């Protein structure tokens, strides 16, 4: 990537591919939040990416620790790594949560619905893995929307590495920064 505009376009292309293509590098995103014990990171499936709004969306069970952590801090970071291109995307986010709508619930596959609800709740102890009983519950279906404050990229290229920062405060125009 030789220009800021090309770099920014690549970010959104990768994010949009992650929404549509289960094999895309941006399909599974590492989301880090602030928990009581410090930083918490986990993998989530990217469900939507909106360049115009500057947002990304994830689904989760409303009973998860990541939802509870939003009471401590709405700040989060999402990280994408494309090993083939040696390209990293870091999104600094402000997360908001809301209940999923009936239309969003209906759009999920039966397998996806089984991920929201069930007993015991996410993070509770189990005697063995199969002791979890899935029970689809639309009341536990939660939408997390991350409003992007900053996009930072790092391309580990040859003969040099390239790092760029795009901020909402600067209308995501971008600036090269030292790797």
N, C-alpha and C. Protein backbone atom coordinates (compact mmCIF):
# COMPACT_ATOMS: atom_id res chain seq x y z
N UNK A 1 0.83 -1.16 0.00
CA UNK A 1 0.00 0.00 0.00
C UNK A 1 0.88 1.23 0.00
N UNK A 2 0.70 2.03 -1.02
CA UNK A 2 1.60 3.15 -1.23
C UNK A 2 1.01 4.50 -0.85
N UNK A 3 -0.28 4.56 -0.53
CA UNK A 3 -0.89 5.83 -0.19
C UNK A 3 -1.84 5.65 0.98
N UNK A 4 -2.14 6.75 1.65
CA UNK A 4 -3.10 6.70 2.76
C UNK A 4 -4.48 6.29 2.27
N UNK A 5 -4.88 6.81 1.12
CA UNK A 5 -6.22 6.46 0.62
C UNK A 5 -6.30 4.98 0.26
N UNK A 6 -5.23 4.43 -0.29
CA UNK A 6 -5.19 3.00 -0.61
C UNK A 6 -5.20 2.17 0.68
N UNK A 7 -4.50 2.63 1.70
CA UNK A 7 -4.47 1.93 2.98
C UNK A 7 -5.85 1.93 3.63
N UNK A 8 -6.50 3.09 3.65
CA UNK A 8 -7.84 3.18 4.24
C UNK A 8 -8.83 2.31 3.47
N UNK A 9 -8.75 2.32 2.16
CA UNK A 9 -9.64 1.48 1.34
C UNK A 9 -9.40 0.01 1.64
N UNK A 10 -8.14 -0.38 1.85
CA UNK A 10 -7.83 -1.77 2.17
C UNK A 10 -8.44 -2.18 3.52
N UNK A 11 -8.41 -1.28 4.49
CA UNK A 11 -9.02 -1.56 5.80
C UNK A 11 -10.49 -1.91 5.61
N UNK A 12 -11.23 -1.06 4.92
CA UNK A 12 -12.67 -1.29 4.78
C UNK A 12 -12.98 -2.48 3.89
N UNK A 13 -12.15 -2.72 2.90
CA UNK A 13 -12.32 -3.91 2.07
C UNK A 13 -12.15 -5.17 2.91
N UNK A 14 -11.12 -5.18 3.76
CA UNK A 14 -10.90 -6.36 4.62
C UNK A 14 -12.04 -6.55 5.61
N UNK A 15 -12.52 -5.45 6.22
CA UNK A 15 -13.61 -5.56 7.18
C UNK A 15 -14.89 -6.04 6.50
N UNK A 16 -15.20 -5.50 5.33
CA UNK A 16 -16.40 -5.93 4.60
C UNK A 16 -16.28 -7.39 4.16
N UNK A 17 -15.08 -7.82 3.76
CA UNK A 17 -14.87 -9.23 3.41
C UNK A 17 -15.09 -10.11 4.64
N UNK A 18 -14.65 -9.65 5.80
CA UNK A 18 -14.81 -10.41 7.02
C UNK A 18 -16.27 -10.66 7.37
N UNK A 19 -17.13 -9.73 7.04
CA UNK A 19 -18.57 -9.89 7.29
C UNK A 19 -19.14 -10.95 6.36
N UNK A 20 -18.70 -10.97 5.11
CA UNK A 20 -19.30 -11.84 4.09
C UNK A 20 -18.65 -13.21 3.94
N UNK A 21 -17.34 -13.29 4.20
CA UNK A 21 -16.58 -14.50 3.88
C UNK A 21 -16.04 -15.17 5.14
N UNK A 22 -16.54 -16.37 5.47
CA UNK A 22 -16.09 -17.05 6.68
C UNK A 22 -14.59 -17.36 6.70
N UNK A 23 -13.93 -17.32 5.55
CA UNK A 23 -12.50 -17.63 5.49
C UNK A 23 -11.62 -16.37 5.44
N UNK A 24 -12.24 -15.21 5.46
CA UNK A 24 -11.48 -13.95 5.38
C UNK A 24 -10.74 -13.68 6.68
N UNK A 25 -9.55 -13.05 6.61
CA UNK A 25 -8.79 -12.75 7.82
C UNK A 25 -9.55 -11.91 8.85
N UNK A 26 -10.46 -11.06 8.40
CA UNK A 26 -11.19 -10.19 9.33
C UNK A 26 -12.50 -10.82 9.82
N UNK A 27 -12.73 -12.08 9.53
CA UNK A 27 -13.96 -12.74 10.01
C UNK A 27 -13.94 -12.88 11.53
N UNK A 28 -12.80 -13.34 12.06
CA UNK A 28 -12.64 -13.52 13.50
C UNK A 28 -11.72 -12.42 14.03
N UNK A 29 -12.28 -11.55 14.83
CA UNK A 29 -11.59 -10.36 15.32
C UNK A 29 -11.28 -10.53 16.80
N UNK A 30 -10.08 -10.14 17.21
CA UNK A 30 -9.77 -10.12 18.63
C UNK A 30 -10.31 -8.82 19.20
N UNK A 31 -11.19 -8.94 20.21
CA UNK A 31 -11.77 -7.77 20.85
C UNK A 31 -11.25 -7.72 22.28
N UNK A 32 -10.62 -6.60 22.62
CA UNK A 32 -10.09 -6.40 23.97
C UNK A 32 -10.90 -5.32 24.67
N UNK A 33 -11.28 -5.62 25.92
CA UNK A 33 -12.02 -4.68 26.74
C UNK A 33 -11.28 -4.53 28.08
N UNK A 34 -11.82 -3.69 28.95
CA UNK A 34 -11.24 -3.47 30.26
C UNK A 34 -12.12 -4.17 31.29
N UNK A 35 -11.54 -5.16 31.97
CA UNK A 35 -12.26 -5.89 33.01
C UNK A 35 -11.75 -5.51 34.39
N UNK A 36 -12.36 -6.10 35.41
CA UNK A 36 -11.97 -5.81 36.79
C UNK A 36 -10.50 -6.18 37.05
N UNK A 37 -10.00 -7.22 36.36
CA UNK A 37 -8.63 -7.67 36.56
C UNK A 37 -7.65 -7.06 35.55
N UNK A 38 -8.14 -6.19 34.68
CA UNK A 38 -7.29 -5.58 33.66
C UNK A 38 -7.81 -5.87 32.27
N UNK A 39 -6.91 -5.94 31.31
CA UNK A 39 -7.30 -6.17 29.92
C UNK A 39 -7.87 -7.57 29.74
N UNK A 40 -8.93 -7.67 28.96
CA UNK A 40 -9.56 -8.95 28.62
C UNK A 40 -9.67 -9.00 27.10
N UNK A 41 -9.26 -10.10 26.49
CA UNK A 41 -9.32 -10.24 25.03
C UNK A 41 -9.98 -11.55 24.67
N UNK A 42 -10.75 -11.52 23.60
CA UNK A 42 -11.41 -12.73 23.10
C UNK A 42 -11.69 -12.55 21.61
N UNK A 43 -12.01 -13.68 20.96
CA UNK A 43 -12.31 -13.68 19.54
C UNK A 43 -13.83 -13.57 19.36
N UNK A 44 -14.24 -12.68 18.46
CA UNK A 44 -15.64 -12.56 18.09
C UNK A 44 -15.75 -12.59 16.57
N UNK A 45 -16.92 -12.95 16.09
CA UNK A 45 -17.20 -12.91 14.66
C UNK A 45 -17.66 -11.50 14.30
N UNK A 46 -17.05 -10.93 13.28
CA UNK A 46 -17.45 -9.62 12.78
C UNK A 46 -18.77 -9.78 12.02
N UNK A 47 -19.80 -9.06 12.45
CA UNK A 47 -21.13 -9.20 11.85
C UNK A 47 -21.50 -8.08 10.90
N UNK A 48 -20.92 -6.89 11.09
CA UNK A 48 -21.19 -5.77 10.18
C UNK A 48 -20.03 -4.78 10.27
N UNK A 49 -19.80 -4.09 9.16
CA UNK A 49 -18.80 -3.03 9.08
C UNK A 49 -19.38 -1.93 8.20
N UNK A 50 -19.45 -0.73 8.74
CA UNK A 50 -20.10 0.38 8.04
C UNK A 50 -19.10 1.53 7.93
N UNK A 51 -18.53 1.68 6.75
CA UNK A 51 -17.53 2.72 6.50
C UNK A 51 -18.14 4.11 6.71
N UNK A 52 -19.33 4.35 6.19
CA UNK A 52 -19.95 5.67 6.28
C UNK A 52 -20.18 6.09 7.74
N UNK A 53 -20.62 5.15 8.56
CA UNK A 53 -20.88 5.46 9.97
C UNK A 53 -19.61 5.31 10.83
N UNK A 54 -18.62 4.59 10.30
CA UNK A 54 -17.41 4.32 11.07
C UNK A 54 -17.68 3.39 12.24
N UNK A 55 -18.40 2.29 11.96
CA UNK A 55 -18.75 1.35 13.02
C UNK A 55 -18.50 -0.09 12.60
N UNK A 56 -18.34 -0.94 13.61
CA UNK A 56 -18.29 -2.39 13.43
C UNK A 56 -19.27 -2.99 14.44
N UNK A 57 -19.80 -4.18 14.10
CA UNK A 57 -20.83 -4.79 14.93
C UNK A 57 -20.51 -6.25 15.21
N UNK A 58 -20.82 -6.66 16.44
CA UNK A 58 -20.63 -8.04 16.89
C UNK A 58 -21.91 -8.49 17.59
N UNK A 59 -22.11 -9.80 17.68
CA UNK A 59 -23.21 -10.38 18.45
C UNK A 59 -22.62 -11.10 19.66
N UNK A 60 -23.36 -11.12 20.75
CA UNK A 60 -22.92 -11.84 21.94
C UNK A 60 -24.11 -12.21 22.80
N UNK A 61 -23.88 -13.07 23.76
CA UNK A 61 -24.88 -13.38 24.79
C UNK A 61 -24.84 -12.23 25.80
N UNK A 62 -25.98 -11.72 26.17
CA UNK A 62 -26.06 -10.57 27.08
C UNK A 62 -25.47 -10.86 28.45
N UNK A 63 -25.29 -12.13 28.79
CA UNK A 63 -24.79 -12.49 30.12
C UNK A 63 -23.27 -12.62 30.17
N UNK A 64 -22.56 -12.35 29.07
CA UNK A 64 -21.11 -12.53 29.04
C UNK A 64 -20.39 -11.44 29.83
N UNK A 65 -19.16 -11.75 30.21
CA UNK A 65 -18.36 -10.77 30.94
C UNK A 65 -18.08 -9.53 30.11
N UNK A 66 -17.96 -9.68 28.79
CA UNK A 66 -17.67 -8.50 27.98
C UNK A 66 -18.79 -7.48 28.06
N UNK A 67 -20.03 -7.93 28.18
CA UNK A 67 -21.16 -7.00 28.33
C UNK A 67 -21.08 -6.33 29.70
N UNK A 68 -20.80 -7.10 30.74
CA UNK A 68 -20.67 -6.53 32.09
C UNK A 68 -19.53 -5.52 32.15
N UNK A 69 -18.46 -5.79 31.41
CA UNK A 69 -17.29 -4.89 31.42
C UNK A 69 -17.61 -3.52 30.85
N UNK A 70 -18.65 -3.41 30.05
CA UNK A 70 -19.02 -2.11 29.50
C UNK A 70 -19.45 -1.13 30.60
N UNK A 71 -19.88 -1.65 31.75
CA UNK A 71 -20.22 -0.79 32.87
C UNK A 71 -18.97 -0.13 33.45
N UNK A 72 -17.82 -0.80 33.31
CA UNK A 72 -16.55 -0.26 33.80
C UNK A 72 -15.99 0.74 32.79
N UNK A 73 -15.98 0.34 31.52
CA UNK A 73 -15.44 1.19 30.47
C UNK A 73 -16.00 0.75 29.12
N UNK A 74 -16.42 1.70 28.33
CA UNK A 74 -16.90 1.40 26.98
C UNK A 74 -15.74 1.33 25.98
N UNK A 75 -14.53 1.65 26.43
CA UNK A 75 -13.37 1.62 25.55
C UNK A 75 -12.98 0.18 25.22
N UNK A 76 -12.66 -0.05 23.96
CA UNK A 76 -12.25 -1.38 23.51
C UNK A 76 -11.32 -1.22 22.32
N UNK A 77 -10.61 -2.30 22.02
CA UNK A 77 -9.77 -2.35 20.83
C UNK A 77 -10.08 -3.64 20.09
N UNK A 78 -10.26 -3.52 18.80
CA UNK A 78 -10.44 -4.69 17.93
C UNK A 78 -9.18 -4.83 17.08
N UNK A 79 -8.72 -6.06 16.93
CA UNK A 79 -7.48 -6.32 16.20
C UNK A 79 -7.71 -7.37 15.14
N UNK A 80 -7.23 -7.07 13.94
CA UNK A 80 -7.29 -7.99 12.79
C UNK A 80 -5.87 -8.17 12.29
N UNK A 81 -5.52 -9.41 11.95
CA UNK A 81 -4.20 -9.72 11.39
C UNK A 81 -4.38 -10.55 10.13
N UNK A 82 -3.82 -10.08 9.03
CA UNK A 82 -3.79 -10.83 7.78
C UNK A 82 -2.35 -11.31 7.59
N UNK A 83 -2.13 -12.59 7.90
CA UNK A 83 -0.77 -13.15 7.85
C UNK A 83 -0.22 -13.15 6.43
N UNK A 84 -1.06 -13.43 5.44
CA UNK A 84 -0.58 -13.50 4.06
C UNK A 84 -0.07 -12.13 3.58
N UNK A 85 -0.77 -11.07 3.97
CA UNK A 85 -0.36 -9.72 3.56
C UNK A 85 0.53 -9.03 4.57
N UNK A 86 0.70 -9.68 5.74
CA UNK A 86 1.49 -9.09 6.83
C UNK A 86 0.96 -7.70 7.17
N UNK A 87 -0.37 -7.66 7.36
CA UNK A 87 -1.08 -6.39 7.55
C UNK A 87 -1.94 -6.48 8.80
N UNK A 88 -1.76 -5.52 9.69
CA UNK A 88 -2.52 -5.45 10.93
C UNK A 88 -3.45 -4.24 10.91
N UNK A 89 -4.66 -4.43 11.42
CA UNK A 89 -5.62 -3.34 11.61
C UNK A 89 -5.96 -3.31 13.09
N UNK A 90 -5.81 -2.14 13.69
CA UNK A 90 -6.22 -1.96 15.08
C UNK A 90 -7.28 -0.86 15.10
N UNK A 91 -8.45 -1.20 15.66
CA UNK A 91 -9.56 -0.26 15.76
C UNK A 91 -9.75 0.10 17.22
N UNK A 92 -9.65 1.38 17.54
CA UNK A 92 -9.96 1.84 18.90
C UNK A 92 -11.43 2.24 18.89
N UNK A 93 -12.20 1.62 19.79
CA UNK A 93 -13.66 1.69 19.75
C UNK A 93 -14.25 2.23 21.04
N UNK A 94 -15.46 2.77 20.90
CA UNK A 94 -16.35 2.98 22.02
C UNK A 94 -17.52 2.03 21.79
N UNK A 95 -17.70 1.06 22.69
CA UNK A 95 -18.73 0.04 22.49
C UNK A 95 -20.05 0.46 23.12
N UNK A 96 -21.13 0.17 22.41
CA UNK A 96 -22.46 0.31 22.98
C UNK A 96 -23.17 -1.02 22.80
N UNK A 97 -24.16 -1.26 23.63
CA UNK A 97 -24.90 -2.52 23.55
C UNK A 97 -26.38 -2.22 23.44
N UNK A 98 -27.07 -3.16 22.82
CA UNK A 98 -28.53 -3.10 22.77
C UNK A 98 -29.05 -4.51 22.57
N UNK A 99 -30.30 -4.70 22.88
CA UNK A 99 -30.93 -5.99 22.64
C UNK A 99 -31.13 -6.17 21.15
N UNK A 100 -30.97 -7.38 20.68
CA UNK A 100 -31.26 -7.68 19.28
C UNK A 100 -32.76 -7.57 19.04
N UNK A 101 -33.11 -7.21 17.82
CA UNK A 101 -34.54 -7.09 17.47
C UNK A 101 -35.08 -8.45 17.04
N UNK A 102 -36.40 -8.54 16.97
CA UNK A 102 -37.04 -9.77 16.50
C UNK A 102 -36.60 -10.09 15.07
N UNK A 103 -36.44 -9.07 14.25
CA UNK A 103 -36.00 -9.28 12.86
C UNK A 103 -34.58 -9.81 12.81
N UNK A 104 -33.70 -9.27 13.65
CA UNK A 104 -32.31 -9.74 13.69
C UNK A 104 -32.25 -11.18 14.20
N UNK A 105 -33.06 -11.51 15.20
CA UNK A 105 -33.12 -12.87 15.73
C UNK A 105 -33.60 -13.83 14.66
N UNK A 106 -34.64 -13.45 13.93
CA UNK A 106 -35.21 -14.31 12.89
C UNK A 106 -34.21 -14.55 11.76
N UNK A 107 -33.31 -13.60 11.53
CA UNK A 107 -32.32 -13.74 10.45
C UNK A 107 -31.20 -14.72 10.80
N UNK A 108 -31.06 -15.09 12.07
CA UNK A 108 -30.01 -16.01 12.48
C UNK A 108 -30.37 -17.45 12.12
N UNK A 109 -29.36 -18.25 11.85
CA UNK A 109 -29.58 -19.69 11.65
C UNK A 109 -29.92 -20.32 13.00
N UNK A 110 -30.48 -21.53 12.96
CA UNK A 110 -30.78 -22.24 14.20
C UNK A 110 -29.50 -22.45 15.01
N UNK A 111 -28.42 -22.77 14.34
CA UNK A 111 -27.14 -22.97 15.03
C UNK A 111 -26.67 -21.71 15.72
N UNK A 112 -26.80 -20.58 15.05
CA UNK A 112 -26.40 -19.30 15.67
C UNK A 112 -27.29 -18.97 16.85
N UNK A 113 -28.60 -19.20 16.72
CA UNK A 113 -29.51 -18.91 17.83
C UNK A 113 -29.15 -19.71 19.09
N UNK A 114 -28.64 -20.93 18.89
CA UNK A 114 -28.31 -21.77 20.04
C UNK A 114 -27.16 -21.21 20.88
N UNK A 115 -26.45 -20.21 20.35
CA UNK A 115 -25.33 -19.61 21.07
C UNK A 115 -25.77 -18.59 22.11
N UNK A 116 -27.01 -18.16 22.04
CA UNK A 116 -27.52 -17.10 22.91
C UNK A 116 -28.59 -17.69 23.82
N UNK A 117 -28.28 -17.82 25.09
CA UNK A 117 -29.16 -18.47 26.05
C UNK A 117 -28.52 -19.75 26.53
N UNK A 118 -29.28 -20.57 27.19
CA UNK A 118 -28.78 -21.84 27.68
C UNK A 118 -28.31 -21.75 29.12
N UNK A 119 -28.08 -22.93 29.70
CA UNK A 119 -27.62 -23.00 31.08
C UNK A 119 -26.43 -23.94 31.19
N UNK A 120 -25.52 -23.64 32.05
CA UNK A 120 -25.40 -22.40 32.81
C UNK A 120 -25.00 -21.23 31.91
N UNK A 121 -24.97 -20.04 32.49
CA UNK A 121 -24.63 -18.82 31.74
C UNK A 121 -23.15 -18.83 31.34
N UNK A 122 -22.79 -18.05 30.31
CA UNK A 122 -21.38 -17.96 29.89
C UNK A 122 -20.46 -17.60 31.07
N UNK A 123 -19.37 -18.34 31.18
CA UNK A 123 -18.38 -18.10 32.22
C UNK A 123 -18.62 -18.85 33.51
N UNK A 124 -19.81 -19.44 33.66
CA UNK A 124 -20.09 -20.22 34.88
C UNK A 124 -19.35 -21.56 34.81
N UNK A 125 -19.02 -22.13 35.97
CA UNK A 125 -18.30 -23.41 35.99
C UNK A 125 -19.15 -24.57 35.44
N UNK A 126 -18.47 -25.53 34.82
CA UNK A 126 -19.09 -26.77 34.33
C UNK A 126 -18.29 -27.95 34.86
N UNK A 127 -18.95 -29.07 35.08
CA UNK A 127 -18.25 -30.29 35.45
C UNK A 127 -17.54 -30.89 34.24
N UNK A 128 -18.16 -30.72 33.06
CA UNK A 128 -17.61 -31.24 31.81
C UNK A 128 -18.21 -30.42 30.66
N UNK A 129 -17.54 -30.32 29.52
CA UNK A 129 -18.01 -29.46 28.43
C UNK A 129 -19.44 -29.74 27.98
N UNK A 130 -19.84 -31.01 27.94
CA UNK A 130 -21.17 -31.35 27.45
C UNK A 130 -22.28 -31.03 28.46
N UNK A 131 -21.91 -30.52 29.64
CA UNK A 131 -22.91 -30.18 30.66
C UNK A 131 -23.65 -28.88 30.34
N UNK A 132 -23.18 -28.14 29.35
CA UNK A 132 -23.91 -26.93 28.94
C UNK A 132 -25.13 -27.34 28.13
N UNK A 133 -26.27 -26.78 28.46
CA UNK A 133 -27.50 -27.08 27.74
C UNK A 133 -27.91 -25.87 26.92
N UNK A 134 -27.74 -25.92 25.59
CA UNK A 134 -28.17 -24.80 24.76
C UNK A 134 -29.69 -24.65 24.81
N UNK A 135 -30.14 -23.43 24.93
CA UNK A 135 -31.56 -23.13 24.87
C UNK A 135 -31.69 -21.74 24.27
N UNK A 136 -31.95 -21.67 22.96
CA UNK A 136 -32.02 -20.36 22.31
C UNK A 136 -32.99 -19.43 23.05
N UNK A 137 -32.49 -18.23 23.36
CA UNK A 137 -33.28 -17.26 24.10
C UNK A 137 -33.06 -15.88 23.49
N UNK A 138 -34.03 -15.36 22.76
CA UNK A 138 -33.84 -14.05 22.13
C UNK A 138 -33.59 -12.93 23.14
N UNK A 139 -33.99 -13.13 24.39
CA UNK A 139 -33.74 -12.11 25.41
C UNK A 139 -32.26 -12.00 25.77
N UNK A 140 -31.47 -13.01 25.41
CA UNK A 140 -30.03 -12.99 25.69
C UNK A 140 -29.20 -12.58 24.47
N UNK A 141 -29.87 -12.32 23.35
CA UNK A 141 -29.20 -11.94 22.11
C UNK A 141 -28.88 -10.44 22.17
N UNK A 142 -27.60 -10.12 22.16
CA UNK A 142 -27.12 -8.76 22.36
C UNK A 142 -26.28 -8.32 21.16
N UNK A 143 -26.49 -7.09 20.75
CA UNK A 143 -25.71 -6.48 19.67
C UNK A 143 -24.72 -5.50 20.28
N UNK A 144 -23.44 -5.66 19.95
CA UNK A 144 -22.40 -4.71 20.34
C UNK A 144 -22.00 -3.92 19.11
N UNK A 145 -22.09 -2.61 19.22
CA UNK A 145 -21.66 -1.74 18.12
C UNK A 145 -20.46 -0.94 18.59
N UNK A 146 -19.40 -1.02 17.83
CA UNK A 146 -18.19 -0.27 18.13
C UNK A 146 -18.09 0.94 17.23
N UNK A 147 -18.15 2.12 17.83
CA UNK A 147 -17.93 3.36 17.09
C UNK A 147 -16.43 3.61 17.07
N UNK A 148 -15.89 3.68 15.87
CA UNK A 148 -14.44 3.76 15.70
C UNK A 148 -13.95 5.18 15.96
N UNK A 149 -13.02 5.30 16.92
CA UNK A 149 -12.36 6.59 17.18
C UNK A 149 -11.07 6.70 16.36
N UNK A 150 -10.37 5.55 16.23
CA UNK A 150 -9.11 5.52 15.49
C UNK A 150 -8.95 4.20 14.76
N UNK A 151 -8.35 4.28 13.60
CA UNK A 151 -7.92 3.12 12.85
C UNK A 151 -6.42 3.24 12.72
N UNK A 152 -5.71 2.22 13.18
CA UNK A 152 -4.26 2.22 13.02
C UNK A 152 -3.87 0.98 12.24
N UNK A 153 -3.04 1.16 11.24
CA UNK A 153 -2.59 0.03 10.44
C UNK A 153 -1.08 -0.11 10.53
N UNK A 154 -0.64 -1.34 10.32
CA UNK A 154 0.79 -1.63 10.24
C UNK A 154 0.98 -2.67 9.16
N UNK A 155 1.77 -2.32 8.15
CA UNK A 155 2.11 -3.25 7.09
C UNK A 155 3.59 -3.60 7.23
N UNK A 156 3.85 -4.88 7.47
CA UNK A 156 5.23 -5.34 7.62
C UNK A 156 5.76 -5.70 6.24
N UNK A 157 6.13 -4.67 5.50
CA UNK A 157 6.55 -4.86 4.11
C UNK A 157 8.05 -4.76 3.94
N UNK A 158 8.45 -4.94 2.70
CA UNK A 158 9.86 -4.81 2.32
C UNK A 158 9.96 -3.76 1.23
N UNK A 159 10.86 -2.86 1.24
CA UNK A 159 12.04 -2.78 2.11
C UNK A 159 11.78 -2.07 3.44
N UNK A 160 10.55 -1.62 3.70
CA UNK A 160 10.28 -0.90 4.95
C UNK A 160 8.87 -1.26 5.44
N UNK A 161 8.64 -1.02 6.72
CA UNK A 161 7.31 -1.17 7.30
C UNK A 161 6.58 0.16 7.16
N UNK A 162 5.27 0.10 7.06
CA UNK A 162 4.47 1.31 6.94
C UNK A 162 3.35 1.28 7.97
N UNK A 163 3.22 2.37 8.71
CA UNK A 163 2.19 2.49 9.75
C UNK A 163 1.41 3.77 9.51
N UNK A 164 0.08 3.67 9.67
CA UNK A 164 -0.78 4.83 9.43
C UNK A 164 -1.82 4.94 10.53
N UNK A 165 -2.24 6.17 10.79
CA UNK A 165 -3.26 6.44 11.79
C UNK A 165 -4.34 7.30 11.15
N UNK A 166 -5.59 6.84 11.29
CA UNK A 166 -6.76 7.55 10.80
C UNK A 166 -7.65 7.81 12.01
N UNK A 167 -8.02 9.07 12.25
CA UNK A 167 -8.83 9.39 13.42
C UNK A 167 -10.17 10.00 13.00
N UNK A 168 -11.20 9.67 13.78
CA UNK A 168 -12.51 10.27 13.55
C UNK A 168 -12.41 11.80 13.67
N UNK A 169 -11.61 12.27 14.65
CA UNK A 169 -11.46 13.71 14.87
C UNK A 169 -10.92 14.42 13.63
N UNK A 170 -10.21 13.70 12.77
CA UNK A 170 -9.66 14.27 11.54
C UNK A 170 -10.37 13.70 10.31
N UNK A 171 -11.63 13.31 10.49
CA UNK A 171 -12.46 12.78 9.40
C UNK A 171 -11.80 11.57 8.71
N UNK A 172 -11.00 10.83 9.46
CA UNK A 172 -10.31 9.63 8.96
C UNK A 172 -9.45 9.92 7.74
N UNK A 173 -8.87 11.12 7.67
CA UNK A 173 -8.00 11.48 6.54
C UNK A 173 -6.68 10.73 6.57
N UNK A 174 -6.14 10.50 7.73
CA UNK A 174 -4.94 9.68 7.83
C UNK A 174 -3.65 10.45 7.90
N UNK A 175 -2.67 9.79 8.55
CA UNK A 175 -1.32 10.33 8.72
C UNK A 175 -0.37 9.16 8.83
N UNK A 176 0.72 9.21 8.09
CA UNK A 176 1.76 8.19 8.28
C UNK A 176 2.41 8.45 9.64
N UNK A 177 2.71 7.37 10.35
CA UNK A 177 3.43 7.49 11.63
C UNK A 177 4.56 6.45 11.62
N UNK A 178 5.52 6.68 12.50
CA UNK A 178 6.68 5.79 12.55
C UNK A 178 6.28 4.41 13.06
N UNK A 179 6.71 3.35 12.35
CA UNK A 179 6.38 1.99 12.83
C UNK A 179 7.00 1.69 14.18
